[in-house]
Amino acid sequence: MARGGRDFESSLPADESAEGPPLAALEPASPILELVRKLKESISDKDRIINERTRELKEARRRLENIVASIGDAVLVLGPEGTIETVNAAALELTGFDAGELL
């Protein structure tokens, strides 16, 4: 109940709420609808770009993993902290360790 014993929601017409009229009741050229349309378009564009970049990164990682695996010399890939993140078969053969011991 609002102050003075009056219920604000019940004082509005049936098709409106405290947030305003339903979107369908706004004029087609309404600045609010145009902003909503642009926001939806922008979100859709961002989603498309993110999905595209994710796909590109996965493909680049797969190619890099294939290159490292096919190199005949021992390769150990270190992360920023200096920990071993990847080894190839030649590195395992040279060191005598298995991948579980090095990673």
N, C-alpha and C. Protein backbone atom coordinates (compact mmCIF):
# COMPACT_ATOMS: atom_id res chain seq x y z
N MET A 1 0.83 -1.18 0.00
CA MET A 1 0.00 0.00 0.00
C MET A 1 0.87 1.24 0.00
N ALA A 2 0.54 2.20 -0.81
CA ALA A 2 1.25 3.47 -0.84
C ALA A 2 0.77 4.33 0.32
N ARG A 3 1.45 5.43 0.54
CA ARG A 3 1.04 6.35 1.60
C ARG A 3 -0.40 6.79 1.40
N GLY A 4 -1.06 7.06 2.49
CA GLY A 4 -2.43 7.54 2.41
C GLY A 4 -3.43 6.42 2.15
N GLY A 5 -3.01 5.17 2.29
CA GLY A 5 -3.91 4.04 2.14
C GLY A 5 -4.26 3.71 0.71
N ARG A 6 -3.57 4.28 -0.26
CA ARG A 6 -3.88 4.04 -1.66
C ARG A 6 -2.87 3.08 -2.28
N ASP A 7 -3.32 2.09 -2.98
CA ASP A 7 -2.45 1.12 -3.65
C ASP A 7 -2.12 1.66 -5.03
N PHE A 8 -0.84 2.03 -5.23
CA PHE A 8 -0.42 2.65 -6.49
C PHE A 8 -0.71 1.77 -7.69
N GLU A 9 -0.35 0.48 -7.60
CA GLU A 9 -0.53 -0.44 -8.72
C GLU A 9 -2.00 -0.50 -9.15
N SER A 10 -2.91 -0.52 -8.20
CA SER A 10 -4.33 -0.65 -8.56
C SER A 10 -4.88 0.64 -9.16
N SER A 11 -4.15 1.75 -9.00
CA SER A 11 -4.62 3.01 -9.57
C SER A 11 -4.24 3.17 -11.04
N LEU A 12 -3.39 2.27 -11.56
CA LEU A 12 -2.99 2.33 -12.97
C LEU A 12 -4.00 1.60 -13.83
N PRO A 13 -4.13 2.01 -15.09
CA PRO A 13 -4.98 1.25 -16.00
C PRO A 13 -4.50 -0.19 -16.09
N ALA A 14 -5.36 -1.10 -16.45
CA ALA A 14 -5.05 -2.54 -16.45
C ALA A 14 -3.88 -2.90 -17.35
N ASP A 15 -3.65 -2.16 -18.42
CA ASP A 15 -2.57 -2.52 -19.35
C ASP A 15 -1.26 -1.82 -19.03
N GLU A 16 -1.15 -1.13 -17.91
CA GLU A 16 0.09 -0.46 -17.52
C GLU A 16 0.56 -0.98 -16.18
N SER A 17 1.83 -0.76 -15.88
CA SER A 17 2.39 -1.11 -14.59
C SER A 17 3.19 0.07 -14.11
N ALA A 18 3.83 -0.07 -12.95
CA ALA A 18 4.65 1.01 -12.40
C ALA A 18 5.80 1.34 -13.33
N GLU A 19 6.21 0.40 -14.19
CA GLU A 19 7.33 0.63 -15.11
C GLU A 19 6.88 1.39 -16.35
N GLY A 20 5.60 1.55 -16.57
CA GLY A 20 5.11 2.26 -17.73
C GLY A 20 4.26 1.37 -18.62
N PRO A 21 3.86 1.89 -19.77
CA PRO A 21 3.01 1.10 -20.67
C PRO A 21 3.79 -0.06 -21.26
N PRO A 22 3.07 -1.10 -21.67
CA PRO A 22 3.77 -2.22 -22.33
C PRO A 22 4.46 -1.73 -23.60
N LEU A 23 5.54 -2.42 -23.97
CA LEU A 23 6.30 -2.00 -25.16
C LEU A 23 5.43 -1.92 -26.40
N ALA A 24 4.46 -2.81 -26.53
CA ALA A 24 3.60 -2.82 -27.71
C ALA A 24 2.78 -1.54 -27.82
N ALA A 25 2.54 -0.85 -26.70
CA ALA A 25 1.73 0.36 -26.72
C ALA A 25 2.53 1.58 -27.16
N LEU A 26 3.85 1.46 -27.22
CA LEU A 26 4.68 2.59 -27.64
C LEU A 26 4.65 2.73 -29.15
N GLU A 27 4.83 3.93 -29.61
CA GLU A 27 4.85 4.17 -31.05
C GLU A 27 6.02 3.43 -31.69
N PRO A 28 5.87 2.96 -32.92
CA PRO A 28 6.96 2.24 -33.59
C PRO A 28 8.25 3.07 -33.67
N ALA A 29 8.13 4.38 -33.78
CA ALA A 29 9.32 5.23 -33.92
C ALA A 29 9.82 5.69 -32.55
N SER A 30 9.34 5.10 -31.50
CA SER A 30 9.72 5.50 -30.16
C SER A 30 11.23 5.39 -29.97
N PRO A 31 11.85 6.41 -29.38
CA PRO A 31 13.29 6.35 -29.11
C PRO A 31 13.66 5.17 -28.22
N ILE A 32 12.77 4.80 -27.31
CA ILE A 32 13.06 3.67 -26.42
C ILE A 32 13.12 2.38 -27.22
N LEU A 33 12.15 2.17 -28.10
CA LEU A 33 12.16 0.97 -28.92
C LEU A 33 13.38 0.93 -29.84
N GLU A 34 13.77 2.07 -30.36
CA GLU A 34 14.95 2.13 -31.21
C GLU A 34 16.20 1.76 -30.43
N LEU A 35 16.29 2.25 -29.19
CA LEU A 35 17.44 1.92 -28.34
C LEU A 35 17.45 0.43 -28.00
N VAL A 36 16.28 -0.13 -27.72
CA VAL A 36 16.18 -1.56 -27.42
C VAL A 36 16.61 -2.37 -28.64
N ARG A 37 16.14 -1.96 -29.82
CA ARG A 37 16.52 -2.66 -31.06
C ARG A 37 18.03 -2.61 -31.27
N LYS A 38 18.63 -1.43 -31.08
CA LYS A 38 20.07 -1.28 -31.26
C LYS A 38 20.84 -2.10 -30.23
N LEU A 39 20.35 -2.14 -29.00
CA LEU A 39 21.01 -2.92 -27.96
C LEU A 39 20.98 -4.40 -28.30
N LYS A 40 19.82 -4.90 -28.74
CA LYS A 40 19.71 -6.31 -29.14
C LYS A 40 20.64 -6.62 -30.31
N GLU A 41 20.70 -5.71 -31.26
CA GLU A 41 21.58 -5.88 -32.42
C GLU A 41 23.04 -5.93 -31.99
N SER A 42 23.41 -5.03 -31.08
CA SER A 42 24.78 -4.98 -30.58
C SER A 42 25.14 -6.26 -29.83
N ILE A 43 24.23 -6.74 -29.00
CA ILE A 43 24.48 -7.98 -28.26
C ILE A 43 24.65 -9.14 -29.23
N SER A 44 23.81 -9.19 -30.24
CA SER A 44 23.90 -10.25 -31.24
C SER A 44 25.24 -10.19 -31.97
N ASP A 45 25.68 -8.98 -32.33
CA ASP A 45 26.98 -8.82 -32.99
C ASP A 45 28.11 -9.29 -32.08
N LYS A 46 28.04 -8.92 -30.81
CA LYS A 46 29.09 -9.31 -29.86
C LYS A 46 29.13 -10.83 -29.70
N ASP A 47 27.95 -11.46 -29.60
CA ASP A 47 27.90 -12.92 -29.50
C ASP A 47 28.53 -13.57 -30.72
N ARG A 48 28.20 -13.05 -31.90
CA ARG A 48 28.76 -13.61 -33.13
C ARG A 48 30.27 -13.49 -33.14
N ILE A 49 30.79 -12.32 -32.75
CA ILE A 49 32.24 -12.09 -32.73
C ILE A 49 32.91 -13.01 -31.72
N ILE A 50 32.32 -13.15 -30.54
CA ILE A 50 32.90 -14.03 -29.51
C ILE A 50 32.94 -15.47 -30.01
N ASN A 51 31.86 -15.93 -30.61
CA ASN A 51 31.82 -17.31 -31.13
C ASN A 51 32.85 -17.51 -32.23
N GLU A 52 32.99 -16.52 -33.10
CA GLU A 52 33.96 -16.60 -34.19
C GLU A 52 35.39 -16.65 -33.64
N ARG A 53 35.71 -15.79 -32.69
CA ARG A 53 37.05 -15.76 -32.10
C ARG A 53 37.35 -17.04 -31.33
N THR A 54 36.35 -17.56 -30.63
CA THR A 54 36.53 -18.82 -29.90
C THR A 54 36.85 -19.95 -30.86
N ARG A 55 36.12 -20.00 -31.97
CA ARG A 55 36.38 -21.03 -32.98
C ARG A 55 37.79 -20.87 -33.55
N GLU A 56 38.20 -19.63 -33.83
CA GLU A 56 39.54 -19.38 -34.36
C GLU A 56 40.62 -19.78 -33.35
N LEU A 57 40.42 -19.48 -32.08
CA LEU A 57 41.40 -19.86 -31.06
C LEU A 57 41.52 -21.38 -30.91
N LYS A 58 40.39 -22.07 -30.96
CA LYS A 58 40.41 -23.53 -30.87
C LYS A 58 41.16 -24.13 -32.05
N GLU A 59 40.93 -23.58 -33.24
CA GLU A 59 41.62 -24.07 -34.43
C GLU A 59 43.12 -23.79 -34.34
N ALA A 60 43.49 -22.61 -33.88
CA ALA A 60 44.92 -22.26 -33.74
C ALA A 60 45.59 -23.18 -32.72
N ARG A 61 44.91 -23.46 -31.64
CA ARG A 61 45.48 -24.35 -30.62
C ARG A 61 45.67 -25.75 -31.18
N ARG A 62 44.67 -26.23 -31.93
CA ARG A 62 44.78 -27.57 -32.53
C ARG A 62 45.97 -27.64 -33.48
N ARG A 63 46.14 -26.60 -34.31
CA ARG A 63 47.28 -26.57 -35.24
C ARG A 63 48.60 -26.56 -34.48
N LEU A 64 48.69 -25.75 -33.43
CA LEU A 64 49.92 -25.67 -32.64
C LEU A 64 50.23 -27.01 -31.97
N GLU A 65 49.21 -27.65 -31.42
CA GLU A 65 49.42 -28.96 -30.80
C GLU A 65 49.92 -29.98 -31.82
N ASN A 66 49.38 -29.94 -33.05
CA ASN A 66 49.83 -30.85 -34.10
C ASN A 66 51.27 -30.57 -34.50
N ILE A 67 51.65 -29.30 -34.56
CA ILE A 67 53.03 -28.94 -34.91
C ILE A 67 53.99 -29.45 -33.84
N VAL A 68 53.68 -29.17 -32.58
CA VAL A 68 54.55 -29.59 -31.47
C VAL A 68 54.68 -31.12 -31.46
N ALA A 69 53.57 -31.81 -31.66
CA ALA A 69 53.59 -33.28 -31.64
C ALA A 69 54.41 -33.85 -32.78
N SER A 70 54.47 -33.16 -33.91
CA SER A 70 55.16 -33.71 -35.08
C SER A 70 56.65 -33.35 -35.16
N ILE A 71 57.12 -32.46 -34.30
CA ILE A 71 58.53 -32.07 -34.32
C ILE A 71 59.38 -33.24 -33.83
N GLY A 72 60.46 -33.52 -34.55
CA GLY A 72 61.32 -34.63 -34.19
C GLY A 72 62.24 -34.34 -33.01
N ASP A 73 62.48 -33.09 -32.73
CA ASP A 73 63.32 -32.71 -31.58
C ASP A 73 62.45 -32.62 -30.33
N ALA A 74 63.11 -32.74 -29.18
CA ALA A 74 62.39 -32.64 -27.91
C ALA A 74 61.85 -31.22 -27.73
N VAL A 75 60.57 -31.12 -27.38
CA VAL A 75 59.94 -29.82 -27.14
C VAL A 75 59.21 -29.88 -25.81
N LEU A 76 59.55 -28.93 -24.94
CA LEU A 76 58.82 -28.74 -23.69
C LEU A 76 58.28 -27.31 -23.73
N VAL A 77 56.99 -27.15 -23.57
CA VAL A 77 56.38 -25.82 -23.59
C VAL A 77 56.12 -25.43 -22.14
N LEU A 78 56.70 -24.28 -21.74
CA LEU A 78 56.55 -23.81 -20.37
C LEU A 78 55.50 -22.72 -20.30
N GLY A 79 54.74 -22.71 -19.20
CA GLY A 79 53.76 -21.66 -18.96
C GLY A 79 54.42 -20.46 -18.32
N PRO A 80 53.66 -19.40 -18.06
CA PRO A 80 54.20 -18.16 -17.48
C PRO A 80 54.88 -18.38 -16.13
N GLU A 81 54.43 -19.38 -15.37
CA GLU A 81 55.03 -19.65 -14.07
C GLU A 81 56.24 -20.58 -14.16
N GLY A 82 56.58 -20.99 -15.38
CA GLY A 82 57.72 -21.88 -15.57
C GLY A 82 57.38 -23.35 -15.45
N THR A 83 56.12 -23.67 -15.34
CA THR A 83 55.71 -25.07 -15.27
C THR A 83 55.56 -25.64 -16.68
N ILE A 84 55.83 -26.92 -16.80
CA ILE A 84 55.71 -27.59 -18.10
C ILE A 84 54.24 -27.79 -18.41
N GLU A 85 53.81 -27.28 -19.55
CA GLU A 85 52.41 -27.40 -19.96
C GLU A 85 52.21 -28.44 -21.05
N THR A 86 53.22 -28.59 -21.91
CA THR A 86 53.11 -29.53 -23.03
C THR A 86 54.47 -30.14 -23.31
N VAL A 87 54.48 -31.41 -23.65
CA VAL A 87 55.71 -32.08 -24.10
C VAL A 87 55.36 -32.91 -25.32
N ASN A 88 56.35 -33.11 -26.17
CA ASN A 88 56.09 -33.99 -27.32
C ASN A 88 56.74 -35.35 -27.06
N ALA A 89 56.48 -36.27 -27.99
CA ALA A 89 56.98 -37.65 -27.84
C ALA A 89 58.51 -37.68 -27.77
N ALA A 90 59.18 -36.83 -28.55
CA ALA A 90 60.65 -36.82 -28.54
C ALA A 90 61.18 -36.42 -27.16
N ALA A 91 60.53 -35.48 -26.50
CA ALA A 91 60.96 -35.07 -25.16
C ALA A 91 60.77 -36.21 -24.16
N LEU A 92 59.69 -36.93 -24.29
CA LEU A 92 59.44 -38.06 -23.39
C LEU A 92 60.48 -39.15 -23.60
N GLU A 93 60.80 -39.41 -24.86
CA GLU A 93 61.81 -40.44 -25.17
C GLU A 93 63.18 -40.02 -24.66
N LEU A 94 63.55 -38.76 -24.84
CA LEU A 94 64.85 -38.25 -24.41
C LEU A 94 65.01 -38.26 -22.89
N THR A 95 63.96 -37.88 -22.18
CA THR A 95 64.05 -37.79 -20.72
C THR A 95 63.76 -39.11 -20.02
N GLY A 96 63.02 -39.99 -20.69
CA GLY A 96 62.65 -41.26 -20.07
C GLY A 96 61.45 -41.14 -19.15
N PHE A 97 60.88 -39.96 -19.04
CA PHE A 97 59.69 -39.76 -18.22
C PHE A 97 58.45 -39.97 -19.08
N ASP A 98 57.33 -40.25 -18.38
CA ASP A 98 56.07 -40.23 -19.12
C ASP A 98 55.41 -38.87 -18.90
N ALA A 99 54.41 -38.58 -19.72
CA ALA A 99 53.79 -37.24 -19.70
C ALA A 99 53.24 -36.90 -18.31
N GLY A 100 52.67 -37.88 -17.61
CA GLY A 100 52.12 -37.63 -16.28
C GLY A 100 53.17 -37.17 -15.27
N GLU A 101 54.39 -37.62 -15.45
CA GLU A 101 55.45 -37.22 -14.53
C GLU A 101 55.95 -35.79 -14.79
N LEU A 102 55.85 -35.36 -16.03
CA LEU A 102 56.37 -34.03 -16.38
C LEU A 102 55.32 -32.93 -16.28
N LEU A 103 54.09 -33.28 -16.51
CA LEU A 103 53.04 -32.24 -16.52
C LEU A 103 52.46 -32.01 -15.14
